[in-house]
């Protein structure tokens, strides 16, 4: 006579109980009470610090708190899909921080007050990707990277719209890579790059800006500056004879390398 499989039945009861006690996903694809991170890495969400991303609430303080907490804990910072309204500049002064959104069409940062720049980023090996910044003619600059250095420093899959001046302002930054970024309908240049050595701008698009597509200026290009596989479409008011899509000023050192620029 075969003995009952008590161990199997006990295991099934435990499994069913665990399933009933587990949080269920809500309609947004998130578990109740917890933000779902893009992978199993140690992520922290801006929502955990009070950011709502509904386009109505002022999320400035919550975003800044989340940045400081991610720096302190060494976690990556995640912006879920949403419209995040800010009323002053978001500051990132960090080393090795990774900040990612759900994509430039899904994670949108919106200026809701006069400000000098929407995002100021400074430090080493900072990665920022997957979001857009809409200055709404209230922010002078979209993204200002100042002394952003290191082989892990990257601006990727970002978009800037509606700044009063330049969309991307790369300022005295070294050994960084900017790729798959879009700068559209800003009041100045799409990308303004000054005193940046060993910097690569690749697969980026400047479209419909009031100024030039790309300006590269410096006193010394000792590490080289590379503009590769980029696209420029100027604002209709600039489409006159002799209009400048790209300006590179004279300087000493390694020349700027431009390859496969589409205009």
Protein backbone atom coordinates (compact mmCIF):
# COMPACT_ATOMS: atom_id res chain seq x y z
CA UNK A 1 0.00 0.00 0.00
CA UNK A 2 1.40 3.40 -1.02
CA UNK A 3 1.83 6.03 1.71
CA UNK A 4 0.17 9.47 1.19
CA UNK A 5 2.48 12.14 -0.17
CA UNK A 6 2.23 14.38 2.89
CA UNK A 7 5.36 16.29 1.99
CA UNK A 8 3.97 17.19 -1.44
CA UNK A 9 0.63 18.33 -0.01
CA UNK A 10 2.37 20.42 2.65
CA UNK A 11 4.54 22.10 0.03
CA UNK A 12 1.48 22.91 -2.09
CA UNK A 13 -0.30 24.48 0.90
CA UNK A 14 2.75 26.68 1.62
CA UNK A 15 3.04 27.70 -2.04
CA UNK A 16 -0.65 28.64 -2.27
CA UNK A 17 -0.43 30.65 0.95
CA UNK A 18 2.63 32.50 -0.32
CA UNK A 19 0.85 33.28 -3.58
CA UNK A 20 -2.19 34.67 -1.77
CA UNK A 21 0.00 36.89 0.40
CA UNK A 22 2.08 38.24 -2.53
CA UNK A 23 1.34 41.79 -3.78
CA UNK A 24 -0.54 41.83 -7.07
CA UNK A 25 0.37 44.10 -9.98
CA UNK A 26 -1.92 47.05 -10.52
CA UNK A 27 -3.07 48.37 -13.91
CA UNK A 28 0.21 50.27 -14.42
CA UNK A 29 2.27 47.07 -14.27
CA UNK A 30 3.61 47.89 -10.82
CA UNK A 31 3.23 45.87 -7.66
CA UNK A 32 1.05 47.52 -5.04
CA UNK A 33 3.26 49.51 -2.67
CA UNK A 34 6.45 49.04 -4.67
CA UNK A 35 7.94 50.56 -7.80
CA UNK A 36 9.06 47.97 -10.31
CA UNK A 37 12.69 48.61 -11.30
CA UNK A 38 14.02 47.97 -14.83
CA UNK A 39 16.11 44.99 -13.64
CA UNK A 40 17.19 43.25 -10.44
CA UNK A 41 19.88 45.81 -9.63
CA UNK A 42 19.61 47.98 -6.51
CA UNK A 43 17.34 50.76 -7.79
CA UNK A 44 15.58 53.52 -5.93
CA UNK A 45 12.58 55.28 -7.47
CA UNK A 46 11.80 58.98 -7.26
CA UNK A 47 8.23 57.93 -6.42
CA UNK A 48 9.46 56.56 -3.09
CA UNK A 49 10.39 60.13 -2.11
CA UNK A 50 7.05 61.68 -3.00
CA UNK A 51 7.44 62.53 -6.70
CA UNK A 52 4.05 62.11 -8.35
CA UNK A 53 4.81 62.58 -12.03
CA UNK A 54 1.26 63.71 -12.76
CA UNK A 55 2.17 67.02 -14.41
CA UNK A 56 0.36 68.94 -11.65
CA UNK A 57 2.32 68.58 -8.41
CA UNK A 58 5.67 70.30 -7.94
CA UNK A 59 8.13 67.39 -7.88
CA UNK A 60 11.31 69.45 -7.43
CA UNK A 61 11.95 68.68 -3.75
CA UNK A 62 11.10 65.01 -4.10
CA UNK A 63 13.46 64.57 -7.05
CA UNK A 64 16.29 66.33 -5.25
CA UNK A 65 15.78 64.18 -2.14
CA UNK A 66 15.84 61.04 -4.29
CA UNK A 67 19.11 62.12 -5.90
CA UNK A 68 20.75 62.70 -2.52
CA UNK A 69 19.48 59.36 -1.20
CA UNK A 70 20.78 57.48 -4.25
CA UNK A 71 24.18 59.13 -3.83
CA UNK A 72 24.28 58.18 -0.15
CA UNK A 73 23.22 54.55 -0.67
CA UNK A 74 25.09 53.94 -3.93
CA UNK A 75 21.83 52.93 -5.63
CA UNK A 76 20.75 53.67 -9.17
CA UNK A 77 17.94 56.21 -9.51
CA UNK A 78 14.89 55.45 -11.62
CA UNK A 79 12.19 57.79 -12.97
CA UNK A 80 9.05 55.80 -13.86
CA UNK A 81 6.82 56.96 -16.69
CA UNK A 82 5.26 60.34 -15.94
CA UNK A 83 5.34 64.12 -16.30
CA UNK A 84 7.50 65.64 -13.54
CA UNK A 85 6.99 69.36 -13.00
CA UNK A 86 9.93 71.33 -11.55
CA UNK A 87 10.18 74.93 -10.39
CA UNK A 88 13.95 75.25 -9.98
CA UNK A 89 17.15 73.64 -11.26
CA UNK A 90 17.70 69.97 -10.46
CA UNK A 91 21.28 69.54 -9.18
CA UNK A 92 23.40 66.42 -9.63
CA UNK A 93 26.83 66.64 -8.00
CA UNK A 94 27.92 63.03 -7.83
CA UNK A 95 30.44 60.31 -8.61
CA UNK A 96 29.29 57.12 -10.29
CA UNK A 97 25.57 57.88 -10.05
CA UNK A 98 23.25 56.30 -12.64
CA UNK A 99 19.95 58.05 -13.38
CA UNK A 100 17.54 56.47 -15.84
CA UNK A 101 14.03 57.14 -17.03
CA UNK A 102 11.49 55.04 -18.90
CA UNK A 103 12.41 56.67 -22.23
CA UNK A 104 12.34 60.22 -23.56
CA UNK A 105 8.72 59.86 -24.70
CA UNK A 106 7.62 58.49 -21.33
CA UNK A 107 9.65 60.24 -18.61
CA UNK A 108 9.23 63.98 -19.15
CA UNK A 109 10.66 66.77 -16.98
CA UNK A 110 8.68 70.02 -17.38
CA UNK A 111 9.78 73.53 -16.39
CA UNK A 112 7.05 75.36 -14.50
CA UNK A 113 8.92 78.51 -13.42
CA UNK A 114 11.74 80.77 -14.58
CA UNK A 115 15.14 79.12 -14.07
CA UNK A 116 18.66 79.32 -15.44
CA UNK A 117 18.85 75.62 -16.41
CA UNK A 118 16.64 72.60 -15.91
CA UNK A 119 19.42 70.19 -15.00
CA UNK A 120 22.93 70.90 -13.74
CA UNK A 121 25.20 67.85 -13.66
CA UNK A 122 28.76 67.79 -12.33
CA UNK A 123 31.07 64.99 -11.23
CA UNK A 124 32.68 61.81 -12.52
CA UNK A 125 31.24 58.77 -14.28
CA UNK A 126 27.64 59.99 -14.04
CA UNK A 127 25.20 58.29 -16.43
CA UNK A 128 21.95 60.03 -17.37
CA UNK A 129 19.57 58.41 -19.86
CA UNK A 130 16.01 57.86 -21.01
CA UNK A 131 14.14 61.13 -20.36
CA UNK A 132 13.23 64.48 -21.89
CA UNK A 133 13.38 68.08 -20.66
CA UNK A 134 10.89 70.69 -21.83
CA UNK A 135 11.96 74.22 -20.92
CA UNK A 136 8.64 75.73 -22.02
CA UNK A 137 10.51 79.00 -22.72
CA UNK A 138 11.04 79.39 -18.97
CA UNK A 139 14.43 77.70 -18.61
CA UNK A 140 17.48 79.31 -20.21
CA UNK A 141 19.29 75.99 -20.78
CA UNK A 142 18.04 72.44 -20.87
CA UNK A 143 20.99 70.34 -19.64
CA UNK A 144 24.21 71.97 -18.41
CA UNK A 145 27.08 69.51 -17.86
CA UNK A 146 29.97 71.23 -16.09
CA UNK A 147 33.22 69.37 -15.40
CA UNK A 148 31.46 66.08 -16.09
CA UNK A 149 34.42 63.72 -16.45
CA UNK A 150 35.41 60.08 -16.66
CA UNK A 151 35.11 57.11 -19.02
CA UNK A 152 31.74 56.22 -17.52
CA UNK A 153 30.28 59.73 -17.96
CA UNK A 154 27.45 59.51 -20.47
CA UNK A 155 24.39 61.42 -21.62
CA UNK A 156 22.28 59.01 -23.64
CA UNK A 157 18.80 58.82 -25.15
CA UNK A 158 17.85 62.28 -23.89
CA UNK A 159 15.81 65.04 -25.50
CA UNK A 160 15.64 68.77 -24.80
CA UNK A 161 12.90 71.09 -26.09
CA UNK A 162 11.83 74.66 -25.54
CA UNK A 163 14.86 76.16 -23.76
CA UNK A 164 15.35 79.90 -24.26
CA UNK A 165 19.00 79.35 -25.20
CA UNK A 166 21.01 76.16 -25.85
CA UNK A 167 19.46 72.74 -25.45
CA UNK A 168 22.65 70.92 -24.39
CA UNK A 169 25.47 72.98 -22.84
CA UNK A 170 28.64 70.88 -22.41
CA UNK A 171 31.09 72.94 -20.41
CA UNK A 172 34.71 72.00 -19.55
CA UNK A 173 33.90 68.29 -19.54
CA UNK A 174 36.46 65.58 -20.24
CA UNK A 175 36.31 62.03 -21.56
CA UNK A 176 32.52 61.92 -21.87
CA UNK A 177 30.20 60.44 -24.47
CA UNK A 178 26.92 61.95 -25.66
CA UNK A 179 24.87 59.69 -27.91
CA UNK A 180 21.36 59.27 -29.30
CA UNK A 181 20.30 62.68 -27.95
CA UNK A 182 17.87 65.14 -29.55
CA UNK A 183 17.77 68.92 -29.21
CA UNK A 184 14.73 70.54 -30.83
CA UNK A 185 13.06 73.95 -30.99
CA UNK A 186 15.36 75.74 -28.55
CA UNK A 187 16.17 79.44 -28.68
CA UNK A 188 19.94 78.98 -29.09
CA UNK A 189 22.15 76.20 -30.43
CA UNK A 190 21.10 72.61 -30.27
CA UNK A 191 24.46 71.58 -28.77
CA UNK A 192 26.94 74.15 -27.43
CA UNK A 193 30.27 72.49 -26.55
CA UNK A 194 33.07 74.50 -24.97
CA UNK A 195 36.48 73.38 -23.68
CA UNK A 196 35.59 69.69 -23.82
CA UNK A 197 38.49 67.31 -24.47
CA UNK A 198 38.30 63.63 -25.43
CA UNK A 199 34.56 64.12 -25.84
CA UNK A 200 32.48 62.17 -28.37
CA UNK A 201 29.07 63.28 -29.62
CA UNK A 202 27.54 60.48 -31.67
CA UNK A 203 24.18 59.76 -33.32
CA UNK A 204 22.69 63.06 -32.09
CA UNK A 205 20.13 65.26 -33.83
CA UNK A 206 19.68 69.03 -33.74
CA UNK A 207 16.42 70.15 -35.31
CA UNK A 208 14.55 73.43 -35.58
CA UNK A 209 16.74 75.42 -33.15
CA UNK A 210 17.06 79.19 -33.54
CA UNK A 211 20.86 79.03 -33.40
CA UNK A 212 23.34 76.61 -34.95
CA UNK A 213 23.02 72.88 -34.83
CA UNK A 214 26.40 72.37 -33.12
CA UNK A 215 28.94 74.88 -31.83
CA UNK A 216 32.35 73.58 -30.71
CA UNK A 217 34.63 76.16 -29.16
CA UNK A 218 37.71 75.97 -26.94
CA UNK A 219 41.17 77.29 -26.26
CA UNK A 220 42.74 73.84 -26.38
CA UNK A 221 41.61 70.51 -27.87
CA UNK A 222 44.50 68.52 -26.44
CA UNK A 223 42.34 65.41 -26.08
CA UNK A 224 40.36 65.83 -29.27
CA UNK A 225 36.64 66.36 -29.78
CA UNK A 226 34.59 64.09 -32.05
CA UNK A 227 31.28 64.77 -33.79
CA UNK A 228 30.17 61.56 -35.51
CA UNK A 229 27.06 60.44 -37.41
CA UNK A 230 24.97 63.44 -36.40
CA UNK A 231 22.07 65.22 -38.10
CA UNK A 232 21.27 68.95 -38.34
CA UNK A 233 18.02 70.51 -39.55
CA UNK A 234 18.01 74.26 -38.98
CA UNK A 235 15.05 76.47 -38.13
CA UNK A 236 13.31 77.79 -41.29
CA UNK A 237 14.38 81.37 -40.43
CA UNK A 238 18.04 80.27 -40.64
CA UNK A 239 17.85 78.62 -44.04
CA UNK A 240 19.55 81.39 -45.91
CA UNK A 241 22.71 81.43 -47.95
CA UNK A 242 25.72 81.05 -45.72
CA UNK A 243 23.81 79.89 -42.65
CA UNK A 244 25.92 77.81 -40.27
CA UNK A 245 24.92 74.31 -39.32
CA UNK A 246 28.15 73.70 -37.39
CA UNK A 247 30.69 76.21 -36.05
CA UNK A 248 34.15 75.14 -34.90
CA UNK A 249 36.38 77.93 -33.61
CA UNK A 250 40.12 78.04 -34.18
CA UNK A 251 42.22 76.55 -31.39
CA UNK A 252 45.50 74.89 -30.59
CA UNK A 253 46.02 71.16 -30.14
CA UNK A 254 44.25 68.17 -31.67
CA UNK A 255 41.65 69.26 -34.23
CA UNK A 256 37.96 68.54 -33.99
CA UNK A 257 36.98 65.45 -35.99
CA UNK A 258 33.65 65.58 -37.84
CA UNK A 259 32.48 62.54 -39.79
CA UNK A 260 29.21 61.68 -41.54
CA UNK A 261 27.29 64.82 -40.63
CA UNK A 262 23.89 65.02 -42.33
CA UNK A 263 22.37 68.44 -42.93
